[in-house]
Amino acid sequence: MTNSTAKTRNLDQYGNAPLQWSQAEDLLAAESAAKDVPFFLNTVRPDGRPHSVGIGAVWFEDALHFVSGPGTRKSRNLAENPACTVSVRLTGMDLVLEGDAHRVTDESTLDRIAARYRAAGWPTEREGQAFTAPYTAPSGGPPPWYVYRISLRAAHAVASVEPGGATRWTFS
């Protein structure tokens, strides 16, 4: 996503200027895949109840990507309903991303995403249309792991440093 495709709505009640989507993108690119950056994926179970789980995510090629074993609750939920949110605390900004998560199956794209994960310290390899590695997060399930890309519909941010601000972006 580029700033030109985002419609901005200032949610700040104290007169601060709206936050810039480019700032959120820059933080996602710089801080995603770090072990100490907490990403939480929220999906919907078939019975309508919410499900939330920590994930390792990378911002790559203008989208958030994450992995999940095919038997995990999050993968089963996404197979039924791709709608999801991802929450993350970045330096100076709390961010919630809203969209739909779909599997990435293009092998050249998967190779590029695997390289991004390796650059961040996770020694993953593509095997067919999934990833394998010596280890993953406890919530990932056993290998192989599917790769998902979130197509953003909206995002919300609250600045956690001065001068502050709160913004909602919608994407076309």
Protein backbone atom coordinates (compact mmCIF):
# COMPACT_ATOMS: atom_id res chain seq x y z
CA MET A 1 0.00 0.00 0.00
CA THR A 2 1.18 3.47 -0.66
CA ASN A 3 0.05 6.59 1.12
CA SER A 4 -1.80 7.66 -2.05
CA THR A 5 -4.17 4.66 -1.78
CA ALA A 6 -5.06 5.31 1.87
CA LYS A 7 -8.02 7.45 2.89
CA THR A 8 -7.14 9.09 6.21
CA ARG A 9 -9.52 9.90 9.07
CA ASN A 10 -8.15 11.75 12.07
CA LEU A 11 -9.50 10.18 15.28
CA ASP A 12 -7.51 12.37 17.67
CA GLN A 13 -9.66 14.33 20.11
CA TYR A 14 -6.88 16.66 21.27
CA GLY A 15 -6.10 18.52 18.05
CA ASN A 16 -3.07 16.50 16.95
CA ALA A 17 -2.46 16.03 13.25
CA PRO A 18 -3.33 12.66 11.72
CA LEU A 19 -0.61 10.05 11.69
CA GLN A 20 0.86 9.18 8.31
CA TRP A 21 0.37 5.71 6.80
CA SER A 22 3.95 5.89 5.51
CA GLN A 23 5.12 6.06 9.15
CA ALA A 24 3.23 2.85 9.96
CA GLU A 25 4.64 1.14 6.84
CA ASP A 26 8.19 2.21 7.71
CA LEU A 27 7.82 0.85 11.26
CA LEU A 28 6.35 -2.43 9.98
CA ALA A 29 9.20 -2.84 7.50
CA ALA A 30 11.87 -2.09 10.10
CA GLU A 31 10.43 -3.94 13.10
CA SER A 32 8.47 -6.91 11.78
CA ALA A 33 10.06 -10.34 12.21
CA ALA A 34 11.89 -9.15 15.34
CA LYS A 35 11.54 -11.61 18.22
CA ASP A 36 10.53 -8.89 20.66
CA VAL A 37 7.75 -7.35 18.51
CA PRO A 38 4.40 -8.84 19.59
CA PHE A 39 2.00 -9.52 16.69
CA PHE A 40 -1.41 -11.01 17.52
CA LEU A 41 -3.66 -12.52 14.85
CA ASN A 42 -7.39 -12.50 15.51
CA THR A 43 -9.66 -14.79 13.51
CA VAL A 44 -13.24 -16.02 13.81
CA ARG A 45 -14.11 -19.62 14.68
CA PRO A 46 -16.88 -21.35 12.69
CA ASP A 47 -19.26 -20.85 15.65
CA GLY A 48 -18.54 -17.09 15.64
CA ARG A 49 -16.30 -16.98 18.70
CA PRO A 50 -13.04 -15.02 18.40
CA HIS A 51 -9.63 -16.67 18.37
CA SER A 52 -6.41 -14.78 19.09
CA VAL A 53 -2.84 -16.07 18.87
CA GLY A 54 0.66 -14.66 18.71
CA ILE A 55 2.38 -14.89 15.33
CA GLY A 56 5.72 -14.07 13.77
CA ALA A 57 5.03 -11.66 10.93
CA VAL A 58 6.99 -9.83 8.26
CA TRP A 59 6.06 -6.74 6.29
CA PHE A 60 7.21 -7.49 2.77
CA GLU A 61 6.22 -6.17 -0.65
CA ASP A 62 3.63 -3.82 0.88
CA ALA A 63 1.77 -6.47 2.88
CA LEU A 64 1.94 -8.37 6.15
CA HIS A 65 2.81 -12.08 5.87
CA PHE A 66 2.76 -14.83 8.49
CA VAL A 67 2.98 -18.62 8.61
CA SER A 68 0.73 -21.25 10.11
CA GLY A 69 0.49 -25.03 10.03
CA PRO A 70 -2.52 -26.35 8.12
CA GLY A 71 -3.95 -28.08 11.22
CA THR A 72 -3.82 -25.07 13.53
CA ARG A 73 -6.99 -23.33 14.68
CA LYS A 74 -5.97 -20.11 12.91
CA SER A 75 -5.49 -21.87 9.55
CA ARG A 76 -8.77 -23.73 9.91
CA ASN A 77 -10.54 -20.48 10.80
CA LEU A 78 -9.04 -18.66 7.81
CA ALA A 79 -10.07 -21.49 5.47
CA GLU A 80 -13.68 -20.85 6.52
CA ASN A 81 -13.51 -17.06 6.84
CA PRO A 82 -10.46 -15.05 5.71
CA ALA A 83 -11.47 -11.95 7.72
CA CYS A 84 -8.93 -11.13 10.42
CA THR A 85 -7.15 -8.44 12.36
CA VAL A 86 -3.54 -8.21 13.45
CA SER A 87 -2.50 -6.08 16.42
CA VAL A 88 1.06 -4.98 17.09
CA ARG A 89 2.97 -2.60 19.32
CA LEU A 90 5.64 -0.81 17.30
CA THR A 91 8.06 1.88 18.43
CA GLY A 92 5.84 4.85 19.20
CA MET A 93 2.70 3.36 17.67
CA ASP A 94 0.05 0.77 18.51
CA LEU A 95 -1.39 -0.54 15.26
CA VAL A 96 -4.34 -2.72 14.26
CA LEU A 97 -4.56 -4.03 10.69
CA GLU A 98 -7.89 -5.25 9.29
CA GLY A 99 -8.26 -7.37 6.18
CA ASP A 100 -8.46 -10.81 4.65
CA ALA A 101 -5.69 -13.41 4.89
CA HIS A 102 -5.15 -15.75 1.96
CA ARG A 103 -2.52 -18.39 1.32
CA VAL A 104 0.44 -17.49 -0.85
CA THR A 105 1.13 -20.34 -3.28
CA ASP A 106 3.27 -18.70 -5.97
CA GLU A 107 6.68 -20.33 -5.53
CA SER A 108 8.75 -17.32 -6.63
CA THR A 109 6.87 -15.12 -4.13
CA LEU A 110 7.36 -17.75 -1.44
CA ASP A 111 11.10 -17.82 -2.20
CA ARG A 112 11.29 -14.02 -1.67
CA ILE A 113 9.31 -14.21 1.58
CA ALA A 114 11.53 -17.06 2.83
CA ALA A 115 14.58 -14.90 2.10
CA ARG A 116 13.02 -12.08 4.14
CA TYR A 117 12.45 -14.44 7.08
CA ARG A 118 16.03 -15.75 6.78
CA ALA A 119 17.35 -12.18 6.83
CA ALA A 120 15.44 -11.73 10.11
CA GLY A 121 17.02 -14.86 11.60
CA TRP A 122 14.53 -17.68 10.92
CA PRO A 123 16.24 -20.34 8.74
CA THR A 124 13.23 -21.23 6.63
CA GLU A 125 13.16 -22.88 3.21
CA ARG A 126 10.40 -23.27 0.69
CA GLU A 127 9.23 -26.82 0.14
CA GLY A 128 6.59 -26.86 -2.59
CA GLN A 129 3.97 -24.29 -1.61
CA ALA A 130 4.89 -24.16 2.08
CA PHE A 131 7.83 -23.52 4.41
CA THR A 132 9.95 -25.80 6.52
CA ALA A 133 12.61 -24.96 9.11
CA PRO A 134 14.28 -26.58 12.10
CA TYR A 135 11.88 -24.72 14.45
CA THR A 136 8.99 -22.26 14.57
CA ALA A 137 6.88 -20.45 17.14
CA PRO A 138 4.98 -22.74 19.50
CA SER A 139 1.67 -21.64 17.92
CA GLY A 140 2.83 -22.52 14.39
CA GLY A 141 2.04 -26.22 14.53
CA PRO A 142 4.26 -28.84 12.90
CA PRO A 143 5.79 -28.27 9.45
CA PRO A 144 5.10 -27.66 6.69
CA TRP A 145 3.75 -24.15 7.27
CA TYR A 146 1.46 -22.27 4.95
CA VAL A 147 2.26 -18.64 4.21
CA TYR A 148 -0.53 -16.07 4.38
CA ARG A 149 -0.72 -12.52 3.03
CA ILE A 150 -3.16 -10.02 4.49
CA SER A 151 -4.97 -7.80 2.01
CA LEU A 152 -5.67 -4.66 4.00
CA ARG A 153 -9.08 -3.03 4.15
CA ALA A 154 -8.33 -0.67 7.04
CA ALA A 155 -5.83 0.13 9.78
CA HIS A 156 -6.02 2.05 13.06
CA ALA A 157 -3.11 3.58 14.94
CA VAL A 158 -2.62 5.35 18.24
CA ALA A 159 0.66 7.12 18.84
CA SER A 160 2.29 6.08 22.10
CA VAL A 161 4.75 9.01 22.11
CA GLU A 162 4.38 12.78 21.90
CA PRO A 163 2.91 14.60 20.12
CA GLY A 164 0.32 11.83 20.04
CA GLY A 165 -2.42 11.17 17.57
CA ALA A 166 -4.95 8.60 16.52
CA THR A 167 -5.80 7.77 12.92
CA ARG A 168 -7.84 5.35 10.81
CA TRP A 169 -6.87 4.54 7.26
CA THR A 170 -9.06 2.78 4.72
CA PHE A 171 -7.62 1.27 1.57
CA SER A 172 -9.16 0.91 -1.86
